[in-house]
Amino acid sequence: MDRKDFLKKFGFGALTTMGGLSIVDRVIETNEIVETRESQINPKRVREAAICLTWGNLRDGRDFPLRPMGIVTDGTPILFVWPSERGQARGYVKSFDEVKTPIDQIVFRLAQERPAPPYYLRWRRGDYYLYTHTGCLVKRAVACIKEADTALAADQTNTYYVKALQALSDLRFAVILNLTVTGGGQTVMDELAELDEEVRRAGLNVSQFWKRYTALLTETR
């Protein structure tokens, strides 16, 4: 018996074949079930990882293995282990009690299917997408300000005003999200408050504040 046949019969391949079938059909629906399977949740080695929340139901698959195997429901925390040099990534289901990162600092979401645009991807493999909240807001803000400029050129004043305000609002919230991670943002919050007041008094010409909001976004990145 050569080494290859030995590993097939007695090594990891045999263990995976026998052990995998017993848990592949289990479905994870509640945090209580997750807490009873500590040995299946914790990664075997320490790697760079991030906590993200699922967007919709997420099913374990070849492109993105989940531990424990099965289906996780919308809003479940996932410990996302960043891909290795070979592009392999993996997720570990956690309960909210186990997540030490404050919920307002969870800035990633994982979707099983392509997120509705605009979105900002951090990672993609097969049918799985990881994207950031801040990046999504910035993408939408850019789309809105372009629509505002188009409406202004066509003399559609109301459309311009609504789209421009939406763009500034998205940038403002992206700045606040950045501050939940970086901290120490009292000076930036004071600038935001002053800028918001100027926007209220500016009337229709609100797109002039775009560069000032993006400067705050760059400062807090």
Protein backbone atom coordinates (compact mmCIF):
# COMPACT_ATOMS: atom_id res chain seq x y z
CA MET A 1 0.00 0.00 0.00
CA ASP A 2 1.54 3.34 -1.05
CA ARG A 3 1.24 6.62 0.84
CA LYS A 4 -1.67 7.91 -1.27
CA ASP A 5 -3.80 4.82 -0.67
CA PHE A 6 -2.91 4.86 3.02
CA LEU A 7 -4.15 8.46 3.41
CA LYS A 8 -7.35 7.65 1.54
CA LYS A 9 -8.18 4.76 3.84
CA PHE A 10 -6.88 5.98 7.18
CA GLY A 11 -6.02 9.67 6.88
CA PHE A 12 -7.89 12.94 6.68
CA GLY A 13 -9.81 11.95 3.56
CA ALA A 14 -11.40 9.00 5.35
CA LEU A 15 -12.23 11.08 8.42
CA THR A 16 -13.83 13.78 6.29
CA THR A 17 -15.94 11.26 4.38
CA MET A 18 -17.22 9.58 7.54
CA GLY A 19 -17.61 12.63 9.75
CA GLY A 20 -18.89 15.11 7.19
CA LEU A 21 -21.98 13.15 6.25
CA SER A 22 -23.27 13.19 9.81
CA ILE A 23 -23.38 16.97 10.12
CA VAL A 24 -23.87 18.27 6.60
CA ASP A 25 -27.67 18.36 6.88
CA ARG A 26 -27.84 20.06 10.27
CA VAL A 27 -29.43 23.49 10.17
CA ILE A 28 -28.33 26.34 12.44
CA GLU A 29 -31.36 28.44 13.28
CA THR A 30 -30.79 29.85 16.77
CA ASN A 31 -27.93 31.10 18.88
CA GLU A 32 -28.76 28.46 21.51
CA ILE A 33 -27.93 25.68 19.06
CA VAL A 34 -24.68 27.39 18.13
CA GLU A 35 -23.56 27.62 21.76
CA THR A 36 -23.74 23.84 22.18
CA ARG A 37 -21.17 23.27 19.43
CA GLU A 38 -18.13 25.15 20.63
CA SER A 39 -15.67 22.60 19.24
CA GLN A 40 -17.06 23.05 15.73
CA ILE A 41 -17.08 26.83 15.84
CA ASN A 42 -13.60 27.92 16.87
CA PRO A 43 -10.99 28.09 14.10
CA LYS A 44 -8.06 25.70 14.44
CA ARG A 45 -5.47 28.39 13.84
CA VAL A 46 -5.29 32.11 14.50
CA ARG A 47 -5.51 34.20 11.35
CA GLU A 48 -6.56 37.73 10.50
CA ALA A 49 -10.36 37.75 10.70
CA ALA A 50 -13.34 40.10 10.87
CA ILE A 51 -16.81 39.90 12.37
CA CYS A 52 -19.58 40.37 9.83
CA LEU A 53 -23.35 39.91 9.81
CA THR A 54 -25.20 37.80 7.28
CA TRP A 55 -27.52 39.48 4.84
CA GLY A 56 -30.34 37.06 4.20
CA ASN A 57 -29.99 33.34 4.84
CA LEU A 58 -26.55 31.92 4.17
CA ARG A 59 -25.96 28.29 3.18
CA ASP A 60 -22.70 26.45 3.64
CA GLY A 61 -21.03 25.71 0.31
CA ARG A 62 -17.85 24.79 -1.51
CA ASP A 63 -16.84 28.38 -2.18
CA PHE A 64 -17.31 29.49 1.43
CA PRO A 65 -17.33 26.68 4.03
CA LEU A 66 -19.20 27.37 7.27
CA ARG A 67 -18.59 25.77 10.65
CA PRO A 68 -20.89 24.27 11.81
CA MET A 69 -22.15 23.19 8.40
CA GLY A 70 -25.70 24.07 7.45
CA ILE A 71 -27.75 27.26 7.05
CA VAL A 72 -27.45 30.43 9.10
CA THR A 73 -30.26 32.96 9.27
CA ASP A 74 -30.31 36.67 8.51
CA GLY A 75 -28.34 38.80 10.99
CA THR A 76 -26.22 35.97 12.42
CA PRO A 77 -22.65 37.01 13.37
CA ILE A 78 -19.95 35.26 11.33
CA LEU A 79 -16.24 35.24 12.08
CA PHE A 80 -14.86 35.74 8.56
CA VAL A 81 -11.34 34.33 8.19
CA TRP A 82 -9.57 36.22 5.42
CA PRO A 83 -8.56 34.20 2.35
CA SER A 84 -5.18 32.50 2.29
CA GLU A 85 -2.69 32.78 -0.55
CA ARG A 86 -4.77 30.21 -2.44
CA GLY A 87 -7.88 32.34 -2.11
CA GLN A 88 -9.58 30.15 0.49
CA ALA A 89 -11.83 31.75 3.09
CA ARG A 90 -14.02 30.27 5.80
CA GLY A 91 -16.73 31.38 8.21
CA TYR A 92 -17.34 30.42 11.84
CA VAL A 93 -20.84 30.92 13.23
CA LYS A 94 -20.91 32.84 16.50
CA SER A 95 -23.58 33.91 18.97
CA PHE A 96 -23.99 37.56 19.94
CA ASP A 97 -22.72 36.71 23.43
CA GLU A 98 -19.45 35.50 21.94
CA VAL A 99 -18.88 38.57 19.79
CA LYS A 100 -16.56 40.88 21.71
CA THR A 101 -16.60 43.57 19.03
CA PRO A 102 -19.31 46.19 19.76
CA ILE A 103 -22.22 45.80 17.37
CA ASP A 104 -21.82 49.38 16.11
CA GLN A 105 -18.28 48.50 15.00
CA ILE A 106 -19.35 45.55 12.85
CA VAL A 107 -18.86 47.14 9.46
CA PHE A 108 -18.98 44.09 7.21
CA ARG A 109 -21.90 42.16 5.78
CA LEU A 110 -21.77 38.86 3.95
CA ALA A 111 -24.31 38.11 1.23
CA GLN A 112 -24.83 34.76 -0.49
CA GLU A 113 -26.04 36.39 -3.69
CA ARG A 114 -24.89 39.54 -5.49
CA PRO A 115 -25.90 42.58 -3.35
CA ALA A 116 -28.16 45.14 -4.97
CA PRO A 117 -26.01 47.98 -6.38
CA PRO A 118 -24.49 50.27 -5.48
CA TYR A 119 -22.21 48.29 -3.19
CA TYR A 120 -18.52 48.16 -2.34
CA LEU A 121 -16.89 44.75 -2.30
CA ARG A 122 -14.04 43.70 -0.04
CA TRP A 123 -14.01 40.06 -1.12
CA ARG A 124 -15.82 37.76 -3.53
CA ARG A 125 -15.68 34.03 -4.08
CA GLY A 126 -18.24 32.17 -6.17
CA ASP A 127 -21.68 33.38 -5.11
CA TYR A 128 -20.49 34.95 -1.84
CA TYR A 129 -19.82 38.67 -1.38
CA LEU A 130 -18.31 40.61 1.53
CA TYR A 131 -18.80 44.37 1.41
CA THR A 132 -18.52 47.35 3.76
CA HIS A 133 -21.29 49.61 5.03
CA THR A 134 -19.14 52.72 4.60
CA GLY A 135 -18.14 51.80 1.07
CA CYS A 136 -21.77 51.16 0.16
CA LEU A 137 -22.77 54.61 1.44
CA VAL A 138 -19.97 56.33 -0.48
CA LYS A 139 -20.88 54.48 -3.68
CA ARG A 140 -24.51 55.56 -3.34
CA ALA A 141 -23.48 59.13 -2.56
CA VAL A 142 -21.39 59.30 -5.74
CA ALA A 143 -24.31 57.93 -7.77
CA CYS A 144 -26.70 60.48 -6.21
CA ILE A 145 -24.43 63.48 -6.79
CA LYS A 146 -24.05 62.51 -10.46
CA GLU A 147 -27.84 62.30 -10.78
CA ALA A 148 -28.10 65.69 -9.06
CA ASP A 149 -25.69 67.27 -11.56
CA THR A 150 -27.67 65.77 -14.45
CA ALA A 151 -30.94 67.10 -13.00
CA LEU A 152 -29.43 70.56 -12.51
CA ALA A 153 -28.28 70.65 -16.13
CA ALA A 154 -31.83 69.75 -17.19
CA ASP A 155 -33.24 72.47 -14.93
CA GLN A 156 -35.05 69.91 -12.73
CA THR A 157 -34.63 71.82 -9.49
CA ASN A 158 -36.58 69.56 -7.14
CA THR A 159 -34.84 66.40 -8.33
CA TYR A 160 -31.46 68.11 -8.02
CA TYR A 161 -32.15 69.22 -4.43
CA VAL A 162 -33.37 65.80 -3.27
CA LYS A 163 -30.48 63.89 -4.87
CA ALA A 164 -27.84 66.32 -3.62
CA LEU A 165 -29.18 66.16 -0.06
CA GLN A 166 -29.23 62.36 -0.20
CA ALA A 167 -25.61 62.35 -1.36
CA LEU A 168 -24.50 64.64 1.50
CA SER A 169 -26.51 62.62 4.00
CA ASP A 170 -24.79 59.38 2.91
CA LEU A 171 -21.36 60.97 3.19
CA ARG A 172 -22.24 62.32 6.64
CA PHE A 173 -23.28 58.88 7.89
CA ALA A 174 -20.16 57.30 6.37
CA VAL A 175 -18.06 59.74 8.40
CA ILE A 176 -19.93 58.77 11.57
CA LEU A 177 -19.40 55.07 10.83
CA ASN A 178 -15.68 55.70 10.43
CA LEU A 179 -15.62 57.42 13.81
CA THR A 180 -17.11 54.35 15.53
CA VAL A 181 -13.92 52.53 14.54
CA THR A 182 -11.27 55.23 14.88
CA GLY A 183 -12.75 56.96 17.95
CA GLY A 184 -11.70 60.38 19.26
CA GLY A 185 -13.98 62.22 16.89
CA GLN A 186 -15.29 65.15 18.93
CA THR A 187 -13.59 67.71 16.67
CA VAL A 188 -14.98 66.02 13.57
CA MET A 189 -18.48 65.86 15.10
CA ASP A 190 -18.28 69.61 15.85
CA GLU A 191 -17.31 70.26 12.23
CA LEU A 192 -20.18 68.04 11.05
CA ALA A 193 -22.66 69.98 13.19
CA GLU A 194 -21.45 73.32 11.79
CA LEU A 195 -21.53 71.96 8.25
CA ASP A 196 -25.05 70.61 8.71
CA GLU A 197 -26.21 74.05 9.84
CA GLU A 198 -24.65 75.67 6.77
CA VAL A 199 -26.44 73.17 4.53
CA ARG A 200 -29.78 74.05 6.15
CA ARG A 201 -29.24 77.74 5.46
CA ALA A 202 -27.85 77.34 1.95
CA GLY A 203 -31.16 76.91 0.17
CA LEU A 204 -30.98 75.05 -3.13
CA ASN A 205 -27.25 75.36 -3.72
CA VAL A 206 -26.18 72.40 -1.55
CA SER A 207 -23.80 70.56 -3.87
CA GLN A 208 -21.13 73.15 -3.00
CA PHE A 209 -20.59 71.29 0.30
CA TRP A 210 -19.61 68.01 -1.39
CA LYS A 211 -15.85 68.62 -1.12
CA ARG A 212 -16.07 69.57 2.54
CA TYR A 213 -17.91 66.35 3.44
CA THR A 214 -15.46 64.26 1.42
CA ALA A 215 -12.58 65.98 3.22
CA LEU A 216 -14.03 64.85 6.56
CA LEU A 217 -14.46 61.36 5.14
CA THR A 218 -10.80 61.28 4.13
CA GLU A 219 -9.76 62.58 7.55
CA THR A 220 -11.60 59.79 9.36
CA ARG A 221 -10.64 56.95 6.99
